[in-house]
Amino acid sequence: MLRLSISLLISFFLVFLQSLKAQTVDKDNQAKKEIAQKNFDSYKKTALIFDKQLNAIDSTYQAASQQYESSLNTFKKAKRAFKYLESNYKAELLPYQKKAKSKNRKEAMEARRMLQIIKTRFQDNGTKTAKIANDASREMLRAQKIMDRAVSRSELIIPRLKKTLEQMDKWEQILLQLEEY
């Protein structure tokens, strides 16, 4: 009986040691899970920050691209308007140029006055059109610079995002492995 109680006591002691060992392994495993979860969450947060930055850059690029297209259309319209002004100018001048060389002094004076009016109007309209074209050209350059900066910023962020996602996947795999134990 004493032998049985000693062997029973030894058995209980061994079971107790195994349970302590299991608790220690569980605590170690739990600590590893917490570390892995913390690292995973940290990389996930960083990836979200990079994603927000890329979205902001993308919206900036889209706005600049629309501005560029708008300015390009304005520039093209101003260029067409200038060509139209030029052809009209030549067409309007033609009849008065002949009359300005007329022997009739009154007719020649009236023709020269009309030529001056037409030239002044062409200069005013041409100057306005050229200013519109120059402004549109400046806006195109400004939009192009913004788009170039957006591309260069995204080229800096994308590799960092890829590395962050790789680390996030690594820690996710570690978490899955720890879940299996």
Protein backbone atom coordinates (compact mmCIF):
# COMPACT_ATOMS: atom_id res chain seq x y z
CA MET A 1 0.00 0.00 0.00
CA LEU A 2 2.83 2.30 0.81
CA ARG A 3 4.38 1.45 -2.51
CA LEU A 4 1.14 2.23 -4.26
CA SER A 5 0.77 5.56 -2.52
CA ILE A 6 4.44 6.45 -3.28
CA SER A 7 4.01 5.53 -6.93
CA LEU A 8 0.72 7.44 -6.97
CA LEU A 9 2.46 10.40 -5.37
CA ILE A 10 5.28 10.19 -7.94
CA SER A 11 2.69 10.00 -10.73
CA PHE A 12 0.89 13.08 -9.41
CA PHE A 13 4.23 14.85 -9.10
CA LEU A 14 5.14 13.97 -12.71
CA VAL A 15 1.72 15.12 -13.92
CA PHE A 16 2.17 18.33 -11.93
CA LEU A 17 5.61 18.88 -13.55
CA GLN A 18 4.13 18.27 -17.01
CA SER A 19 1.35 20.77 -16.34
CA LEU A 20 3.90 23.33 -15.14
CA LYS A 21 5.95 22.70 -18.26
CA ALA A 22 2.83 23.05 -20.42
CA GLN A 23 1.93 26.30 -18.66
CA THR A 24 5.46 27.61 -19.22
CA VAL A 25 5.28 26.62 -22.91
CA ASP A 26 1.84 28.26 -23.14
CA LYS A 27 3.17 31.42 -21.50
CA ASP A 28 6.18 31.47 -23.86
CA ASN A 29 3.90 30.81 -26.81
CA GLN A 30 1.51 33.53 -25.64
CA ALA A 31 4.41 36.00 -25.27
CA LYS A 32 5.62 35.12 -28.77
CA LYS A 33 2.07 35.60 -30.10
CA GLU A 34 1.83 39.01 -28.44
CA ILE A 35 5.17 40.09 -29.91
CA ALA A 36 4.20 38.78 -33.35
CA GLN A 37 0.79 40.48 -33.14
CA LYS A 38 2.40 43.74 -32.03
CA ASN A 39 4.87 43.64 -34.94
CA PHE A 40 2.12 42.69 -37.40
CA ASP A 41 -0.08 45.57 -36.18
CA SER A 42 2.85 47.98 -36.39
CA TYR A 43 3.61 47.04 -40.01
CA LYS A 44 -0.09 47.13 -40.85
CA LYS A 45 -0.36 50.65 -39.44
CA THR A 46 2.71 51.72 -41.44
CA ALA A 47 1.26 50.16 -44.61
CA LEU A 48 -1.99 52.08 -44.07
CA ILE A 49 -0.03 55.32 -43.66
CA PHE A 50 1.84 54.65 -46.90
CA ASP A 51 -1.44 53.79 -48.61
CA LYS A 52 -2.99 57.08 -47.46
CA GLN A 53 0.07 58.96 -48.69
CA LEU A 54 -0.16 57.25 -52.08
CA ASN A 55 -3.87 58.06 -52.30
CA ALA A 56 -3.15 61.71 -51.51
CA ILE A 57 -0.37 61.77 -54.11
CA ASP A 58 -2.69 60.13 -56.63
CA SER A 59 -5.44 62.69 -56.05
CA THR A 60 -2.86 65.50 -56.35
CA TYR A 61 -1.62 63.98 -59.61
CA GLN A 62 -5.18 63.64 -60.94
CA ALA A 63 -6.00 67.26 -60.10
CA ALA A 64 -2.77 68.47 -61.73
CA SER A 65 -3.46 66.30 -64.76
CA GLN A 66 -6.93 67.80 -65.15
CA GLN A 67 -5.47 71.29 -64.76
CA TYR A 68 -2.86 70.46 -67.39
CA GLU A 69 -5.54 69.24 -69.82
CA SER A 70 -7.67 72.31 -69.18
CA SER A 71 -4.71 74.64 -69.72
CA LEU A 72 -3.71 72.74 -72.85
CA ASN A 73 -7.22 73.18 -74.26
CA THR A 74 -7.13 76.89 -73.40
CA PHE A 75 -3.73 77.20 -75.07
CA LYS A 76 -4.99 75.46 -78.22
CA LYS A 77 -8.09 77.69 -78.32
CA ALA A 78 -5.95 80.81 -77.93
CA LYS A 79 -3.66 79.62 -80.71
CA ARG A 80 -6.64 79.00 -83.02
CA ALA A 81 -8.12 82.38 -82.06
CA PHE A 82 -4.85 84.10 -82.90
CA LYS A 83 -4.73 82.42 -86.32
CA TYR A 84 -8.34 83.47 -86.89
CA LEU A 85 -7.52 87.05 -85.84
CA GLU A 86 -4.53 87.09 -88.16
CA SER A 87 -6.51 85.87 -91.18
CA ASN A 88 -9.34 88.33 -90.44
CA TYR A 89 -6.82 91.12 -89.97
CA LYS A 90 -5.34 90.51 -93.40
CA ALA A 91 -8.79 90.26 -94.97
CA GLU A 92 -9.93 93.52 -93.32
CA LEU A 93 -6.78 95.40 -94.30
CA LEU A 94 -6.86 94.46 -97.97
CA PRO A 95 -9.65 96.82 -99.18
CA TYR A 96 -8.31 99.77 -97.18
CA GLN A 97 -4.73 99.27 -98.33
CA LYS A 98 -5.81 99.84 -101.90
CA LYS A 99 -7.88 102.90 -100.92
CA ALA A 100 -5.01 104.35 -98.85
CA LYS A 101 -2.99 104.64 -102.07
CA SER A 102 -5.88 106.35 -103.84
CA LYS A 103 -5.42 109.70 -105.55
CA ASN A 104 -8.58 110.93 -103.84
CA ARG A 105 -7.26 112.60 -100.69
CA LYS A 106 -10.43 112.27 -98.62
CA GLU A 107 -10.79 108.59 -99.50
CA ALA A 108 -7.09 107.98 -98.73
CA MET A 109 -7.35 109.72 -95.32
CA GLU A 110 -10.44 107.71 -94.41
CA ALA A 111 -8.72 104.49 -95.50
CA ARG A 112 -5.60 105.29 -93.41
CA ARG A 113 -7.79 106.04 -90.40
CA MET A 114 -9.60 102.70 -90.85
CA LEU A 115 -6.24 100.93 -91.27
CA GLN A 116 -5.09 102.43 -87.97
CA ILE A 117 -8.31 101.36 -86.24
CA ILE A 118 -7.98 97.82 -87.59
CA LYS A 119 -4.29 97.63 -86.57
CA THR A 120 -5.08 98.90 -83.06
CA ARG A 121 -7.94 96.42 -82.68
CA PHE A 122 -5.71 93.60 -83.93
CA GLN A 123 -2.95 94.59 -81.50
CA ASP A 124 -5.40 94.72 -78.59
CA ASN A 125 -7.04 91.42 -79.44
CA GLY A 126 -3.70 89.83 -80.31
CA THR A 127 -2.22 90.97 -77.00
CA LYS A 128 -5.19 89.56 -75.08
CA THR A 129 -4.95 86.28 -76.97
CA ALA A 130 -1.19 86.07 -76.44
CA LYS A 131 -1.66 86.76 -72.71
CA ILE A 132 -4.24 83.98 -72.47
CA ALA A 133 -1.88 81.61 -74.31
CA ASN A 134 1.04 82.59 -72.04
CA ASP A 135 -1.04 82.13 -68.90
CA ALA A 136 -2.21 78.73 -70.12
CA SER A 137 1.37 77.78 -70.95
CA ARG A 138 2.51 78.78 -67.44
CA GLU A 139 -0.32 76.78 -65.90
CA MET A 140 0.67 73.77 -68.01
CA LEU A 141 4.26 74.03 -66.75
CA ARG A 142 3.09 74.40 -63.15
CA ALA A 143 0.79 71.38 -63.48
CA GLN A 144 3.58 69.38 -65.12
CA LYS A 145 5.92 70.17 -62.20
CA ILE A 146 3.26 69.08 -59.72
CA MET A 147 2.75 65.84 -61.64
CA ASP A 148 6.52 65.22 -61.77
CA ARG A 149 6.83 65.80 -58.02
CA ALA A 150 3.92 63.44 -57.38
CA VAL A 151 5.58 60.74 -59.48
CA SER A 152 8.92 61.15 -57.72
CA ARG A 153 7.25 61.05 -54.28
CA SER A 154 5.34 57.91 -55.20
CA GLU A 155 8.56 56.34 -56.50
CA LEU A 156 10.02 56.89 -53.02
CA ILE A 157 7.03 55.49 -51.17
CA ILE A 158 6.25 52.40 -53.29
CA PRO A 159 9.48 50.47 -52.44
CA ARG A 160 9.00 51.26 -48.76
CA LEU A 161 5.40 50.06 -48.97
CA LYS A 162 6.52 46.82 -50.65
CA LYS A 163 9.07 46.16 -47.88
CA THR A 164 6.46 46.92 -45.24
CA LEU A 165 3.98 44.52 -46.87
CA GLU A 166 6.67 41.82 -47.02
CA GLN A 167 7.36 42.26 -43.30
CA MET A 168 3.64 42.26 -42.59
CA ASP A 169 3.27 38.95 -44.49
CA LYS A 170 6.24 37.51 -42.58
CA TRP A 171 4.69 38.36 -39.22
CA GLU A 172 1.32 37.08 -40.36
CA GLN A 173 2.94 33.72 -41.21
CA ILE A 174 4.62 33.66 -37.79
CA LEU A 175 1.26 34.36 -36.15
CA LEU A 176 -0.36 31.53 -38.12
CA GLN A 177 2.42 29.15 -37.08
CA LEU A 178 2.03 30.14 -33.43
CA GLU A 179 -1.74 29.64 -33.67
CA GLU A 180 -1.15 26.03 -34.73
CA TYR A 181 0.77 25.23 -31.51
